[in-house]
Protein backbone atom coordinates (compact mmCIF):
# COMPACT_ATOMS: atom_id res chain seq x y z
CA MET A 1 151.22 111.74 155.96
CA LYS A 2 150.81 114.06 152.99
CA ARG A 3 147.94 116.47 152.88
CA ARG A 4 145.87 116.37 149.74
CA LYS A 5 145.06 119.62 148.07
CA ILE A 6 141.33 120.09 147.84
CA LYS A 7 140.27 121.18 144.39
CA LYS A 8 137.34 123.54 144.15
CA VAL A 9 135.04 123.67 141.16
CA TYR A 10 134.34 127.14 139.79
CA SER A 11 131.64 128.01 137.25
CA TYR A 12 131.98 131.07 135.05
CA GLN A 13 129.82 132.62 132.36
CA ILE A 14 131.57 132.78 128.99
CA ASN A 15 130.57 134.95 126.05
CA LEU A 16 131.12 133.53 122.57
CA VAL A 17 131.49 136.37 120.08
CA PRO A 18 131.24 135.31 116.41
CA GLU A 19 134.08 136.74 114.31
CA LYS A 20 133.56 137.99 110.73
CA GLU A 21 136.45 135.85 109.49
CA GLY A 22 135.02 132.81 111.27
CA GLY A 23 135.32 131.23 114.67
CA TYR A 24 134.50 132.62 118.08
CA THR A 25 136.33 134.84 120.51
CA VAL A 26 135.60 133.86 124.10
CA LEU A 27 135.36 136.46 126.88
CA VAL A 28 134.98 135.70 130.58
CA PRO A 29 133.26 138.71 132.21
CA LEU A 30 134.28 137.85 135.79
CA LEU A 31 137.92 137.33 134.77
CA PRO A 32 139.10 140.47 132.96
CA GLY A 33 141.90 139.63 130.54
CA CYS A 34 140.85 135.99 130.22
CA VAL A 35 140.24 135.65 126.48
CA SER A 36 140.31 132.64 124.19
CA TYR A 37 139.30 131.58 120.68
CA GLY A 38 137.99 128.55 118.83
CA ALA A 39 136.99 127.72 115.26
CA THR A 40 133.72 126.13 116.46
CA ILE A 41 131.51 126.64 119.50
CA GLU A 42 132.70 123.32 120.91
CA GLU A 43 136.38 124.17 120.39
CA ALA A 44 135.90 127.69 121.77
CA THR A 45 134.21 126.26 124.88
CA GLU A 46 136.99 123.72 125.48
CA ASN A 47 139.66 126.38 124.92
CA ALA A 48 137.82 128.64 127.37
CA LYS A 49 138.02 125.97 130.08
CA GLU A 50 141.79 125.74 129.59
CA ALA A 51 142.18 129.54 129.55
CA ILE A 52 140.11 129.89 132.73
CA SER A 53 142.11 127.19 134.49
CA MET A 54 145.41 128.88 133.60
CA HIS A 55 144.02 132.28 134.59
CA LEU A 56 142.99 130.94 138.02
CA GLU A 57 146.42 129.32 138.50
CA ASN A 58 148.05 132.67 137.67
CA LEU A 59 145.83 134.50 140.18
CA ALA A 60 146.69 131.94 142.88
CA ALA A 61 150.43 132.14 142.08
CA HIS A 62 150.28 135.91 142.57
CA LYS A 63 148.19 135.53 145.74
CA GLN A 64 145.27 137.40 144.19
CA ALA A 65 141.65 136.69 145.03
CA ILE A 66 139.84 134.22 142.79
CA PRO A 67 136.34 135.41 141.85
CA GLU A 68 133.75 132.93 143.10
CA GLY A 69 131.96 132.58 139.79
CA HIS A 70 128.30 131.70 139.39
CA GLU A 71 126.33 129.13 141.37
CA THR A 72 123.39 129.09 138.95
CA PRO A 73 123.25 129.41 135.17
CA VAL A 74 123.41 132.91 133.72
CA PHE A 75 121.21 133.58 130.71
CA THR A 76 122.15 136.34 128.31
CA THR A 77 120.68 137.56 125.06
CA LEU A 78 121.22 140.31 122.53
CA VAL A 79 118.73 143.17 122.31
CA SER A 80 118.59 146.00 119.78
CA VAL A 81 117.57 149.52 120.80
CA THR A 82 117.18 152.77 118.95
CA ALA A 83 118.64 155.85 120.60
CA SER A 84 118.09 159.38 119.40
CA HIS A 85 121.14 161.59 119.31
CA VAL A 86 120.86 165.29 120.09
């Protein structure tokens, strides 16, 4: 009898960075080096899922730990601050 591999679902925060020339670069803070791109938010999000999946497969293939990800949503926002320079 064959054993079935149990697939685990991971959830990661992604950051969509608008590019001046258009589209969005996607960064995954918990997975350094996992970067993707898409022309629209929807495309960037779908491409991020594929990039994350391939990144996790690469970590597993090299017997490296897979970061657990987030169990609850992570909310981020942009703030502007003024700093005085001496």
